């Protein structure tokens, strides 16, 4: 069961795999997971959460009022976990294939075919 998730959706599901999180917690966790490469804005996050909820991959877990503001927590569903596992395996297989090809490419190179700046090929 793989649906080829976009990176932000994959990271949202990954963030929710540990525990339910609210919007700001998801934004922070996705940033941490991606080492700052993916910075979700609230509109992007909530649009993705709506799609993931429609696809039954996440669901609302609970709501709290903190400082007069509603904080909704989301959790990963069983179907969401299955999709995350399948997508992780698909990506792992792609990484293994690419790594094998790059290793094979590197082994084909000989010192005579590698061009160095200012050197002779």
PDB file of N, CA and C in Angstrom:
ATOM      1  N   UNK A   1       0.846  -1.180   0.000  1.00  0.00           N
ATOM      2  CA  UNK A   1       0.000   0.000   0.000  1.00  0.00           C
ATOM      3  C   UNK A   1       0.890   1.241   0.000  1.00  0.00           C
ATOM      4  N   UNK A   2       1.204   1.754  -1.164  1.00  0.00           N
ATOM      5  CA  UNK A   2       2.029   2.941  -1.269  1.00  0.00           C
ATOM      6  C   UNK A   2       1.310   3.965  -2.131  1.00  0.00           C
ATOM      7  N   UNK A   3       1.367   5.218  -1.719  1.00  0.00           N
ATOM      8  CA  UNK A   3       0.681   6.244  -2.494  1.00  0.00           C
ATOM      9  C   UNK A   3       1.636   7.353  -2.921  1.00  0.00           C
ATOM     10  N   UNK A   4       2.947   7.111  -2.818  1.00  0.00           N
ATOM     11  CA  UNK A   4       3.952   8.095  -3.218  1.00  0.00           C
ATOM     12  C   UNK A   4       3.655   9.475  -2.627  1.00  0.00           C
ATOM     13  N   UNK A   5       3.857   9.577  -1.346  1.00  0.00           N
ATOM     14  CA  UNK A   5       3.607  10.822  -0.633  1.00  0.00           C
ATOM     15  C   UNK A   5       4.582  11.911  -1.043  1.00  0.00           C
ATOM     16  N   UNK A   6       4.121  13.143  -1.037  1.00  0.00           N
ATOM     17  CA  UNK A   6       5.029  14.276  -1.191  1.00  0.00           C
ATOM     18  C   UNK A   6       5.833  14.386   0.101  1.00  0.00           C
ATOM     19  N   UNK A   7       7.003  14.992  -0.005  1.00  0.00           N
ATOM     20  CA  UNK A   7       7.889  15.052   1.156  1.00  0.00           C
ATOM     21  C   UNK A   7       7.239  15.671   2.394  1.00  0.00           C
ATOM     22  N   UNK A   8       6.526  16.799   2.283  1.00  0.00           N
ATOM     23  CA  UNK A   8       5.905  17.342   3.497  1.00  0.00           C
ATOM     24  C   UNK A   8       4.923  16.366   4.146  1.00  0.00           C
ATOM     25  N   UNK A   9       4.118  15.678   3.341  1.00  0.00           N
ATOM     26  CA  UNK A   9       3.170  14.707   3.891  1.00  0.00           C
ATOM     27  C   UNK A   9       3.891  13.534   4.535  1.00  0.00           C
ATOM     28  N   UNK A  10       4.943  13.067   3.892  1.00  0.00           N
ATOM     29  CA  UNK A  10       5.749  11.984   4.461  1.00  0.00           C
ATOM     30  C   UNK A  10       6.312  12.407   5.818  1.00  0.00           C
ATOM     31  N   UNK A  11       6.819  13.620   5.895  1.00  0.00           N
ATOM     32  CA  UNK A  11       7.403  14.101   7.149  1.00  0.00           C
ATOM     33  C   UNK A  11       6.341  14.323   8.220  1.00  0.00           C
ATOM     34  N   UNK A  12       5.154  14.753   7.834  1.00  0.00           N
ATOM     35  CA  UNK A  12       4.057  14.910   8.797  1.00  0.00           C
ATOM     36  C   UNK A  12       3.697  13.543   9.378  1.00  0.00           C
ATOM     37  N   UNK A  13       3.540  12.539   8.530  1.00  0.00           N
ATOM     38  CA  UNK A  13       3.236  11.200   9.023  1.00  0.00           C
ATOM     39  C   UNK A  13       4.361  10.680   9.912  1.00  0.00           C
ATOM     40  N   UNK A  14       5.592  10.937   9.525  1.00  0.00           N
ATOM     41  CA  UNK A  14       6.744  10.520  10.325  1.00  0.00           C
ATOM     42  C   UNK A  14       6.714  11.183  11.699  1.00  0.00           C
ATOM     43  N   UNK A  15       6.410  12.475  11.722  1.00  0.00           N
ATOM     44  CA  UNK A  15       6.338  13.199  12.999  1.00  0.00           C
ATOM     45  C   UNK A  15       5.252  12.608  13.896  1.00  0.00           C
ATOM     46  N   UNK A  16       4.142  12.206  13.315  1.00  0.00           N
ATOM     47  CA  UNK A  16       3.025  11.672  14.093  1.00  0.00           C
ATOM     48  C   UNK A  16       3.226  10.214  14.492  1.00  0.00           C
ATOM     49  N   UNK A  17       4.239   9.556  13.962  1.00  0.00           N
ATOM     50  CA  UNK A  17       4.480   8.152  14.283  1.00  0.00           C
ATOM     51  C   UNK A  17       4.871   7.974  15.744  1.00  0.00           C
ATOM     52  N   UNK A  18       5.438   8.991  16.360  1.00  0.00           N
ATOM     53  CA  UNK A  18       5.868   8.885  17.757  1.00  0.00           C
ATOM     54  C   UNK A  18       4.742   9.205  18.724  1.00  0.00           C
ATOM     55  N   UNK A  19       3.995  10.278  18.442  1.00  0.00           N
ATOM     56  CA  UNK A  19       2.950  10.716  19.359  1.00  0.00           C
ATOM     57  C   UNK A  19       2.051  11.729  18.671  1.00  0.00           C
ATOM     58  N   UNK A  20       0.830  11.914  19.182  1.00  0.00           N
ATOM     59  CA  UNK A  20      -0.033  12.962  18.640  1.00  0.00           C
ATOM     60  C   UNK A  20       0.601  14.343  18.856  1.00  0.00           C
ATOM     61  N   UNK A  21       0.423  15.218  17.874  1.00  0.00           N
ATOM     62  CA  UNK A  21       0.982  16.570  17.945  1.00  0.00           C
ATOM     63  C   UNK A  21      -0.044  17.587  17.466  1.00  0.00           C
ATOM     64  N   UNK A  22       0.089  18.805  17.939  1.00  0.00           N
ATOM     65  CA  UNK A  22      -0.737  19.915  17.455  1.00  0.00           C
ATOM     66  C   UNK A  22       0.042  20.621  16.347  1.00  0.00           C
ATOM     67  N   UNK A  23      -0.600  21.594  15.708  1.00  0.00           N
ATOM     68  CA  UNK A  23      -0.020  22.254  14.535  1.00  0.00           C
ATOM     69  C   UNK A  23       1.388  22.781  14.731  1.00  0.00           C
ATOM     70  N   UNK A  24       1.603  23.598  15.774  1.00  0.00           N
ATOM     71  CA  UNK A  24       2.938  24.160  15.986  1.00  0.00           C
ATOM     72  C   UNK A  24       3.950  23.054  16.262  1.00  0.00           C
ATOM     73  N   UNK A  25       3.527  22.029  17.021  1.00  0.00           N
ATOM     74  CA  UNK A  25       4.418  20.899  17.285  1.00  0.00           C
ATOM     75  C   UNK A  25       4.800  20.177  16.005  1.00  0.00           C
ATOM     76  N   UNK A  26       3.850  20.044  15.082  1.00  0.00           N
ATOM     77  CA  UNK A  26       4.139  19.413  13.788  1.00  0.00           C
ATOM     78  C   UNK A  26       5.118  20.252  12.972  1.00  0.00           C
ATOM     79  N   UNK A  27       4.908  21.556  12.953  1.00  0.00           N
ATOM     80  CA  UNK A  27       5.822  22.437  12.209  1.00  0.00           C
ATOM     81  C   UNK A  27       7.245  22.284  12.745  1.00  0.00           C
ATOM     82  N   UNK A  28       7.388  22.292  14.063  1.00  0.00           N
ATOM     83  CA  UNK A  28       8.713  22.166  14.679  1.00  0.00           C
ATOM     84  C   UNK A  28       9.323  20.792  14.419  1.00  0.00           C
ATOM     85  N   UNK A  29       8.519  19.744  14.537  1.00  0.00           N
ATOM     86  CA  UNK A  29       9.026  18.381  14.350  1.00  0.00           C
ATOM     87  C   UNK A  29       9.439  18.138  12.900  1.00  0.00           C
ATOM     88  N   UNK A  30       8.659  18.620  11.946  1.00  0.00           N
ATOM     89  CA  UNK A  30       9.008  18.462  10.525  1.00  0.00           C
ATOM     90  C   UNK A  30      10.313  19.211  10.230  1.00  0.00           C
ATOM     91  N   UNK A  31      10.471  20.381  10.783  1.00  0.00           N
ATOM     92  CA  UNK A  31      11.718  21.130  10.598  1.00  0.00           C
ATOM     93  C   UNK A  31      12.901  20.344  11.155  1.00  0.00           C
ATOM     94  N   UNK A  32      12.715  19.772  12.335  1.00  0.00           N
ATOM     95  CA  UNK A  32      13.799  18.984  12.949  1.00  0.00           C
ATOM     96  C   UNK A  32      14.107  17.736  12.129  1.00  0.00           C
ATOM     97  N   UNK A  33      13.070  17.011  11.720  1.00  0.00           N
ATOM     98  CA  UNK A  33      13.272  15.793  10.937  1.00  0.00           C
ATOM     99  C   UNK A  33      14.001  16.067   9.626  1.00  0.00           C
ATOM    100  N   UNK A  34      13.729  17.216   9.025  1.00  0.00           N
ATOM    101  CA  UNK A  34      14.332  17.546   7.723  1.00  0.00           C
ATOM    102  C   UNK A  34      15.597  18.386   7.872  1.00  0.00           C
ATOM    103  N   UNK A  35      16.063  18.553   9.092  1.00  0.00           N
ATOM    104  CA  UNK A  35      17.248  19.383   9.361  1.00  0.00           C
ATOM    105  C   UNK A  35      17.074  20.781   8.794  1.00  0.00           C
ATOM    106  N   UNK A  36      15.853  21.303   8.919  1.00  0.00           N
ATOM    107  CA  UNK A  36      15.564  22.665   8.498  1.00  0.00           C
ATOM    108  C   UNK A  36      15.275  22.847   7.021  1.00  0.00           C
ATOM    109  N   UNK A  37      15.349  21.791   6.216  1.00  0.00           N
ATOM    110  CA  UNK A  37      15.087  21.911   4.776  1.00  0.00           C
ATOM    111  C   UNK A  37      13.619  22.180   4.474  1.00  0.00           C
ATOM    112  N   UNK A  38      12.722  21.592   5.284  1.00  0.00           N
ATOM    113  CA  UNK A  38      11.290  21.752   5.060  1.00  0.00           C
ATOM    114  C   UNK A  38      10.726  22.605   6.188  1.00  0.00           C
ATOM    115  N   UNK A  39      10.309  23.805   5.833  1.00  0.00           N
ATOM    116  CA  UNK A  39       9.722  24.732   6.802  1.00  0.00           C
ATOM    117  C   UNK A  39       8.255  24.922   6.425  1.00  0.00           C
ATOM    118  N   UNK A  40       7.389  24.222   7.109  1.00  0.00           N
ATOM    119  CA  UNK A  40       5.957  24.299   6.800  1.00  0.00           C
ATOM    120  C   UNK A  40       5.366  25.599   7.318  1.00  0.00           C
ATOM    121  N   UNK A  41       4.584  26.234   6.485  1.00  0.00           N
ATOM    122  CA  UNK A  41       3.789  27.385   6.919  1.00  0.00           C
ATOM    123  C   UNK A  41       2.439  26.837   7.354  1.00  0.00           C
ATOM    124  N   UNK A  42       1.739  27.547   8.223  1.00  0.00           N
ATOM    125  CA  UNK A  42       0.451  27.033   8.702  1.00  0.00           C
ATOM    126  C   UNK A  42      -0.522  26.647   7.583  1.00  0.00           C
ATOM    127  N   UNK A  43      -0.635  27.461   6.539  1.00  0.00           N
ATOM    128  CA  UNK A  43      -1.551  27.137   5.446  1.00  0.00           C
ATOM    129  C   UNK A  43      -1.193  25.838   4.755  1.00  0.00           C
ATOM    130  N   UNK A  44       0.097  25.608   4.543  1.00  0.00           N
ATOM    131  CA  UNK A  44       0.568  24.365   3.921  1.00  0.00           C
ATOM    132  C   UNK A  44       0.299  23.187   4.835  1.00  0.00           C
ATOM    133  N   UNK A  45       0.602  23.364   6.124  1.00  0.00           N
ATOM    134  CA  UNK A  45       0.392  22.288   7.091  1.00  0.00           C
ATOM    135  C   UNK A  45      -1.076  21.887   7.150  1.00  0.00           C
ATOM    136  N   UNK A  46      -1.959  22.871   7.331  1.00  0.00           N
ATOM    137  CA  UNK A  46      -3.365  22.523   7.504  1.00  0.00           C
ATOM    138  C   UNK A  46      -3.994  22.006   6.214  1.00  0.00           C
ATOM    139  N   UNK A  47      -3.510  22.452   5.064  1.00  0.00           N
ATOM    140  CA  UNK A  47      -3.962  21.870   3.801  1.00  0.00           C
ATOM    141  C   UNK A  47      -3.556  20.407   3.701  1.00  0.00           C
ATOM    142  N   UNK A  48      -2.313  20.117   4.083  1.00  0.00           N
ATOM    143  CA  UNK A  48      -1.827  18.727   4.068  1.00  0.00           C
ATOM    144  C   UNK A  48      -2.593  17.885   5.080  1.00  0.00           C
ATOM    145  N   UNK A  49      -2.826  18.431   6.270  1.00  0.00           N
ATOM    146  CA  UNK A  49      -3.583  17.688   7.282  1.00  0.00           C
ATOM    147  C   UNK A  49      -5.006  17.390   6.809  1.00  0.00           C
ATOM    148  N   UNK A  50      -5.629  18.347   6.111  1.00  0.00           N
ATOM    149  CA  UNK A  50      -6.969  18.099   5.562  1.00  0.00           C
ATOM    150  C   UNK A  50      -6.939  16.940   4.571  1.00  0.00           C
ATOM    151  N   UNK A  51      -5.937  16.931   3.672  1.00  0.00           N
ATOM    152  CA  UNK A  51      -5.821  15.843   2.690  1.00  0.00           C
ATOM    153  C   UNK A  51      -5.552  14.510   3.387  1.00  0.00           C
ATOM    154  N   UNK A  52      -4.631  14.517   4.355  1.00  0.00           N
ATOM    155  CA  UNK A  52      -4.294  13.289   5.067  1.00  0.00           C
ATOM    156  C   UNK A  52      -5.481  12.779   5.882  1.00  0.00           C
ATOM    157  N   UNK A  53      -6.281  13.700   6.405  1.00  0.00           N
ATOM    158  CA  UNK A  53      -7.493  13.312   7.136  1.00  0.00           C
ATOM    159  C   UNK A  53      -8.515  12.728   6.172  1.00  0.00           C
ATOM    160  N   UNK A  54      -8.709  13.374   5.014  1.00  0.00           N
ATOM    161  CA  UNK A  54      -9.638  12.854   4.001  1.00  0.00           C
ATOM    162  C   UNK A  54      -9.234  11.453   3.544  1.00  0.00           C
ATOM    163  N   UNK A  55      -7.914  11.204   3.474  1.00  0.00           N
ATOM    164  CA  UNK A  55      -7.400   9.894   3.069  1.00  0.00           C
ATOM    165  C   UNK A  55      -7.347   8.900   4.232  1.00  0.00           C
ATOM    166  N   UNK A  56      -7.800   9.345   5.408  1.00  0.00           N
ATOM    167  CA  UNK A  56      -7.846   8.530   6.622  1.00  0.00           C
ATOM    168  C   UNK A  56      -6.473   8.063   7.083  1.00  0.00           C
ATOM    169  N   UNK A  57      -5.454   8.893   6.825  1.00  0.00           N
ATOM    170  CA  UNK A  57      -4.093   8.585   7.269  1.00  0.00           C
ATOM    171  C   UNK A  57      -3.798   9.227   8.623  1.00  0.00           C
ATOM    172  N   UNK A  58      -4.482  10.322   8.927  1.00  0.00           N
ATOM    173  CA  UNK A  58      -4.409  10.953  10.243  1.00  0.00           C
ATOM    174  C   UNK A  58      -5.828  11.266  10.688  1.00  0.00           C
ATOM    175  N   UNK A  59      -5.977  11.469  11.992  1.00  0.00           N
ATOM    176  CA  UNK A  59      -7.276  11.881  12.513  1.00  0.00           C
ATOM    177  C   UNK A  59      -7.051  12.789  13.709  1.00  0.00           C
ATOM    178  N   UNK A  60      -8.079  13.538  14.031  1.00  0.00           N
ATOM    179  CA  UNK A  60      -8.002  14.390  15.217  1.00  0.00           C
ATOM    180  C   UNK A  60      -7.935  13.481  16.432  1.00  0.00           C
ATOM    181  N   UNK A  61      -7.047  13.818  17.356  1.00  0.00           N
ATOM    182  CA  UNK A  61      -6.862  13.018  18.562  1.00  0.00           C
ATOM    183  C   UNK A  61      -7.614  13.631  19.738  1.00  0.00           C
ATOM    184  N   UNK A  62      -7.414  14.935  19.935  1.00  0.00           N
ATOM    185  CA  UNK A  62      -8.084  15.649  21.027  1.00  0.00           C
ATOM    186  C   UNK A  62      -7.922  17.145  20.797  1.00  0.00           C
ATOM    187  N   UNK A  63      -8.664  17.915  21.557  1.00  0.00           N
ATOM    188  CA  UNK A  63      -8.557  19.374  21.499  1.00  0.00           C
ATOM    189  C   UNK A  63      -8.381  19.905  22.908  1.00  0.00           C
ATOM    190  N   UNK A  64      -7.596  20.978  23.025  1.00  0.00           N
ATOM    191  CA  UNK A  64      -7.384  21.660  24.297  1.00  0.00           C
ATOM    192  C   UNK A  64      -7.499  23.156  24.049  1.00  0.00           C
ATOM    193  N   UNK A  65      -7.851  23.866  25.092  1.00  0.00           N
ATOM    194  CA  UNK A  65      -7.802  25.322  24.990  1.00  0.00           C
ATOM    195  C   UNK A  65      -6.636  25.782  25.850  1.00  0.00           C
ATOM    196  N   UNK A  66      -5.675  26.415  25.205  1.00  0.00           N
ATOM    197  CA  UNK A  66      -4.483  26.929  25.867  1.00  0.00           C
ATOM    198  C   UNK A  66      -4.452  28.433  25.649  1.00  0.00           C
ATOM    199  N   UNK A  67      -4.404  29.190  26.716  1.00  0.00           N
ATOM    200  CA  UNK A  67      -4.403  30.654  26.640  1.00  0.00           C
ATOM    201  C   UNK A  67      -5.529  31.178  25.754  1.00  0.00           C
ATOM    202  N   UNK A  68      -6.697  30.567  25.871  1.00  0.00           N
ATOM    203  CA  UNK A  68      -7.856  31.017  25.124  1.00  0.00           C
ATOM    204  C   UNK A  68      -7.879  30.599  23.664  1.00  0.00           C
ATOM    205  N   UNK A  69      -6.903  29.795  23.237  1.00  0.00           N
ATOM    206  CA  UNK A  69      -6.852  29.351  21.836  1.00  0.00           C
ATOM    207  C   UNK A  69      -7.022  27.844  21.758  1.00  0.00           C
ATOM    208  N   UNK A  70      -7.778  27.422  20.756  1.00  0.00           N
ATOM    209  CA  UNK A  70      -8.006  25.999  20.541  1.00  0.00           C
ATOM    210  C   UNK A  70      -6.746  25.366  19.968  1.00  0.00           C
ATOM    211  N   UNK A  71      -6.340  24.262  20.561  1.00  0.00           N
ATOM    212  CA  UNK A  71      -5.192  23.507  20.074  1.00  0.00           C
ATOM    213  C   UNK A  71      -5.692  22.098  19.751  1.00  0.00           C
ATOM    214  N   UNK A  72      -5.664  21.738  18.472  1.00  0.00           N
ATOM    215  CA  UNK A  72      -6.124  20.418  18.035  1.00  0.00           C
ATOM    216  C   UNK A  72      -4.901  19.526  17.808  1.00  0.00           C
ATOM    217  N   UNK A  73      -4.954  18.355  18.386  1.00  0.00           N
ATOM    218  CA  UNK A  73      -3.888  17.368  18.219  1.00  0.00           C
ATOM    219  C   UNK A  73      -4.311  16.359  17.169  1.00  0.00           C
ATOM    220  N   UNK A  74      -3.349  15.915  16.379  1.00  0.00           N
ATOM    221  CA  UNK A  74      -3.581  14.917  15.340  1.00  0.00           C
ATOM    222  C   UNK A  74      -2.781  13.675  15.670  1.00  0.00           C
ATOM    223  N   UNK A  75      -3.315  12.537  15.232  1.00  0.00           N
ATOM    224  CA  UNK A  75      -2.605  11.283  15.442  1.00  0.00           C
ATOM    225  C   UNK A  75      -2.568  10.490  14.134  1.00  0.00           C
ATOM    226  N   UNK A  76      -1.601   9.621  14.049  1.00  0.00           N
ATOM    227  CA  UNK A  76      -1.461   8.715  12.914  1.00  0.00           C
ATOM    228  C   UNK A  76      -2.472   7.584  13.083  1.00  0.00           C
ATOM    229  N   UNK A  77      -3.211   7.270  12.035  1.00  0.00           N
ATOM    230  CA  UNK A  77      -4.158   6.154  12.073  1.00  0.00           C
ATOM    231  C   UNK A  77      -3.414   4.866  11.708  1.00  0.00           C
ATOM    232  N   UNK A  78      -4.101   3.735  11.879  1.00  0.00           N
ATOM    233  CA  UNK A  78      -3.497   2.456  11.470  1.00  0.00           C
ATOM    234  C   UNK A  78      -3.207   2.455   9.974  1.00  0.00           C
ATOM    235  N   UNK A  79      -4.136   3.003   9.196  1.00  0.00           N
ATOM    236  CA  UNK A  79      -3.920   3.088   7.745  1.00  0.00           C
ATOM    237  C   UNK A  79      -2.747   4.011   7.449  1.00  0.00           C
ATOM    238  N   UNK A  80      -2.626   5.103   8.201  1.00  0.00           N
ATOM    239  CA  UNK A  80      -1.502   6.018   8.036  1.00  0.00           C
ATOM    240  C   UNK A  80      -0.188   5.335   8.337  1.00  0.00           C
ATOM    241  N   UNK A  81      -0.169   4.516   9.383  1.00  0.00           N
ATOM    242  CA  UNK A  81       1.045   3.764   9.716  1.00  0.00           C
ATOM    243  C   UNK A  81       1.409   2.805   8.586  1.00  0.00           C
ATOM    244  N   UNK A  82       0.412   2.124   8.038  1.00  0.00           N
ATOM    245  CA  UNK A  82       0.670   1.183   6.939  1.00  0.00           C
ATOM    246  C   UNK A  82       1.233   1.912   5.725  1.00  0.00           C
ATOM    247  N   UNK A  83       0.658   3.072   5.394  1.00  0.00           N
ATOM    248  CA  UNK A  83       1.148   3.851   4.257  1.00  0.00           C
ATOM    249  C   UNK A  83       2.569   4.354   4.527  1.00  0.00           C
ATOM    250  N   UNK A  84       2.827   4.825   5.745  1.00  0.00           N
ATOM    251  CA  UNK A  84       4.166   5.303   6.090  1.00  0.00           C
ATOM    252  C   UNK A  84       5.187   4.175   5.993  1.00  0.00           C
ATOM    253  N   UNK A  85       4.830   2.987   6.481  1.00  0.00           N
ATOM    254  CA  UNK A  85       5.745   1.836   6.376  1.00  0.00           C
ATOM    255  C   UNK A  85       6.013   1.488   4.906  1.00  0.00           C
ATOM    256  N   UNK A  86       4.958   1.442   4.098  1.00  0.00           N
ATOM    257  CA  UNK A  86       5.117   1.091   2.680  1.00  0.00           C
ATOM    258  C   UNK A  86       5.956   2.131   1.952  1.00  0.00           C
ATOM    259  N   UNK A  87       5.703   3.402   2.236  1.00  0.00           N
ATOM    260  CA  UNK A  87       6.458   4.477   1.582  1.00  0.00           C
ATOM    261  C   UNK A  87       7.920   4.445   2.017  1.00  0.00           C
ATOM    262  N   UNK A  88       8.153   4.146   3.286  1.00  0.00           N
ATOM    263  CA  UNK A  88       9.525   4.043   3.789  1.00  0.00           C
ATOM    264  C   UNK A  88      10.273   2.917   3.071  1.00  0.00           C
ATOM    265  N   UNK A  89       9.612   1.788   2.904  1.00  0.00           N
ATOM    266  CA  UNK A  89      10.243   0.658   2.203  1.00  0.00           C
ATOM    267  C   UNK A  89      10.483   0.979   0.729  1.00  0.00           C
ATOM    268  N   UNK A  90       9.529   1.663   0.092  1.00  0.00           N
ATOM    269  CA  UNK A  90       9.705   2.052  -1.315  1.00  0.00           C
ATOM    270  C   UNK A  90      10.914   2.961  -1.458  1.00  0.00           C
ATOM    271  N   UNK A  91      11.007   3.934  -0.556  1.00  0.00           N
ATOM    272  CA  UNK A  91      12.135   4.870  -0.607  1.00  0.00           C
ATOM    273  C   UNK A  91      13.454   4.160  -0.302  1.00  0.00           C
ATOM    274  N   UNK A  92      13.431   3.230   0.665  1.00  0.00           N
ATOM    275  CA  UNK A  92      14.637   2.472   0.999  1.00  0.00           C
ATOM    276  C   UNK A  92      15.132   1.684  -0.220  1.00  0.00           C
ATOM    277  N   UNK A  93      14.203   1.054  -0.934  1.00  0.00           N
ATOM    278  CA  UNK A  93      14.583   0.294  -2.133  1.00  0.00           C
ATOM    279  C   UNK A  93      15.188   1.217  -3.185  1.00  0.00           C
ATOM    280  N   UNK A  94      14.625   2.417  -3.339  1.00  0.00           N
ATOM    281  CA  UNK A  94      15.185   3.376  -4.296  1.00  0.00           C
ATOM    282  C   UNK A  94      16.587   3.810  -3.887  1.00  0.00           C
ATOM    283  N   UNK A  95      16.789   4.042  -2.599  1.00  0.00           N
ATOM    284  CA  UNK A  95      18.113   4.442  -2.107  1.00  0.00           C
ATOM    285  C   UNK A  95      19.117   3.316  -2.338  1.00  0.00           C
ATOM    286  N   UNK A  96      18.716   2.091  -2.056  1.00  0.00           N
ATOM    287  CA  UNK A  96      19.621   0.959  -2.268  1.00  0.00           C
ATOM    288  C   UNK A  96      19.992   0.811  -3.740  1.00  0.00           C
ATOM    289  N   UNK A  97      19.027   0.976  -4.634  1.00  0.00           N
ATOM    290  CA  UNK A  97      19.293   0.870  -6.070  1.00  0.00           C
ATOM    291  C   UNK A  97      20.235   1.979  -6.522  1.00  0.00           C
ATOM    292  N   UNK A  98      19.968   3.210  -6.090  1.00  0.00           N
ATOM    293  CA  UNK A  98      20.826   4.332  -6.477  1.00  0.00           C
ATOM    294  C   UNK A  98      22.231   4.158  -5.911  1.00  0.00           C
ATOM    295  N   UNK A  99      22.331   3.704  -4.667  1.00  0.00           N
ATOM    296  CA  UNK A  99      23.647   3.498  -4.045  1.00  0.00           C
ATOM    297  C   UNK A  99      24.443   2.442  -4.794  1.00  0.00           C
ATOM    298  N   UNK A 100      23.763   1.360  -5.190  1.00  0.00           N
ATOM    299  CA  UNK A 100      24.446   0.303  -5.938  1.00  0.00           C
ATOM    300  C   UNK A 100      24.942   0.823  -7.285  1.00  0.00           C
ATOM    301  N   UNK A 101      24.112   1.614  -7.972  1.00  0.00           N
ATOM    302  CA  UNK A 101      24.527   2.176  -9.259  1.00  0.00           C
ATOM    303  C   UNK A 101      25.710   3.133  -9.093  1.00  0.00           C
ATOM    304  N   UNK A 102      25.671   3.952  -8.084  1.00  0.00           N
ATOM    305  CA  UNK A 102      26.773   4.899  -7.858  1.00  0.00           C
ATOM    306  C   UNK A 102      28.055   4.161  -7.487  1.00  0.00           C
ATOM    307  N   UNK A 103      27.932   3.095  -6.713  1.00  0.00           N
ATOM    308  CA  UNK A 103      29.106   2.298  -6.354  1.00  0.00           C
ATOM    309  C   UNK A 103      29.691   1.643  -7.605  1.00  0.00           C
ATOM    310  N   UNK A 104      28.809   1.104  -8.451  1.00  0.00           N
ATOM    311  CA  UNK A 104      29.272   0.484  -9.696  1.00  0.00           C
ATOM    312  C   UNK A 104      29.931   1.518 -10.599  1.00  0.00           C
ATOM    313  N   UNK A 105      29.367   2.691 -10.670  1.00  0.00           N
ATOM    314  CA  UNK A 105      29.947   3.768 -11.478  1.00  0.00           C
ATOM    315  C   UNK A 105      31.325   4.133 -10.964  1.00  0.00           C
ATOM    316  N   UNK A 106      31.457   4.238  -9.656  1.00  0.00           N
ATOM    317  CA  UNK A 106      32.753   4.600  -9.069  1.00  0.00           C
ATOM    318  C   UNK A 106      33.796   3.533  -9.340  1.00  0.00           C
ATOM    319  N   UNK A 107      33.384   2.262  -9.357  1.00  0.00           N
ATOM    320  CA  UNK A 107      34.357   1.183  -9.580  1.00  0.00           C
ATOM    321  C   UNK A 107      34.804   1.118 -11.037  1.00  0.00           C
ATOM    322  N   UNK A 108      34.012   1.691 -11.963  1.00  0.00           N
ATOM    323  CA  UNK A 108      34.387   1.714 -13.377  1.00  0.00           C
ATOM    324  C   UNK A 108      35.447   2.758 -13.674  1.00  0.00           C
ATOM    325  N   UNK A 109      35.537   3.732 -12.809  1.00  0.00           N
ATOM    326  CA  UNK A 109      36.508   4.799 -13.016  1.00  0.00           C
ATOM    327  C   UNK A 109      37.902   4.304 -12.691  1.00  0.00           C
ATOM    328  N   UNK A 110      38.820   4.709 -13.531  1.00  0.00           N
ATOM    329  CA  UNK A 110      40.234   4.425 -13.257  1.00  0.00           C
ATOM    330  C   UNK A 110      40.938   5.768 -13.167  1.00  0.00           C
ATOM    331  N   UNK A 111      42.110   5.795 -12.554  1.00  0.00           N
ATOM    332  CA  UNK A 111      42.812   7.083 -12.441  1.00  0.00           C
ATOM    333  C   UNK A 111      43.004   7.797 -13.780  1.00  0.00           C
ATOM    334  N   UNK A 112      43.126   7.056 -14.873  1.00  0.00           N
ATOM    335  CA  UNK A 112      43.353   7.664 -16.182  1.00  0.00           C
ATOM    336  C   UNK A 112      42.081   8.350 -16.703  1.00  0.00           C
ATOM    337  N   UNK A 113      40.913   7.924 -16.225  1.00  0.00           N
ATOM    338  CA  UNK A 113      39.671   8.513 -16.745  1.00  0.00           C
ATOM    339  C   UNK A 113      39.132   9.624 -15.860  1.00  0.00           C
ATOM    340  N   UNK A 114      39.697   9.769 -14.697  1.00  0.00           N
ATOM    341  CA  UNK A 114      39.245  10.826 -13.801  1.00  0.00           C
ATOM    342  C   UNK A 114      40.021  12.087 -14.107  1.00  0.00           C
ATOM    343  N   UNK A 115      39.327  13.127 -14.466  1.00  0.00           N
ATOM    344  CA  UNK A 115      39.967  14.387 -14.813  1.00  0.00           C
ATOM    345  C   UNK A 115      40.117  15.240 -13.563  1.00  0.00           C
ATOM    346  N   UNK A 116      41.316  15.630 -13.284  1.00  0.00           N
ATOM    347  CA  UNK A 116      41.576  16.513 -12.171  1.00  0.00           C
ATOM    348  C   UNK A 116      41.821  17.909 -12.722  1.00  0.00           C
ATOM    349  N   UNK A 117      41.458  18.913 -11.976  1.00  0.00           N
ATOM    350  CA  UNK A 117      41.684  20.296 -12.419  1.00  0.00           C
ATOM    351  C   UNK A 117      43.154  20.492 -12.684  1.00  0.00           C
ATOM    352  N   UNK A 118      43.474  20.868 -13.893  1.00  0.00           N
ATOM    353  CA  UNK A 118      44.863  21.118 -14.254  1.00  0.00           C
ATOM    354  C   UNK A 118      45.659  19.862 -14.550  1.00  0.00           C
ATOM    355  N   UNK A 119      45.026  18.690 -14.433  1.00  0.00           N
ATOM    356  CA  UNK A 119      45.744  17.434 -14.635  1.00  0.00           C
ATOM    357  C   UNK A 119      45.532  16.906 -16.037  1.00  0.00           C
ATOM    358  N   UNK A 120      46.102  15.761 -16.299  1.00  0.00           N
ATOM    359  CA  UNK A 120      45.980  15.105 -17.593  1.00  0.00           C
ATOM    360  C   UNK A 120      45.013  13.949 -17.468  1.00  0.00           C
ATOM    361  N   UNK A 121      44.107  13.859 -18.431  1.00  0.00           N
ATOM    362  CA  UNK A 121      43.145  12.751 -18.402  1.00  0.00           C
ATOM    363  C   UNK A 121      43.568  11.688 -19.383  1.00  0.00           C
TER     364      UNK A 121
END
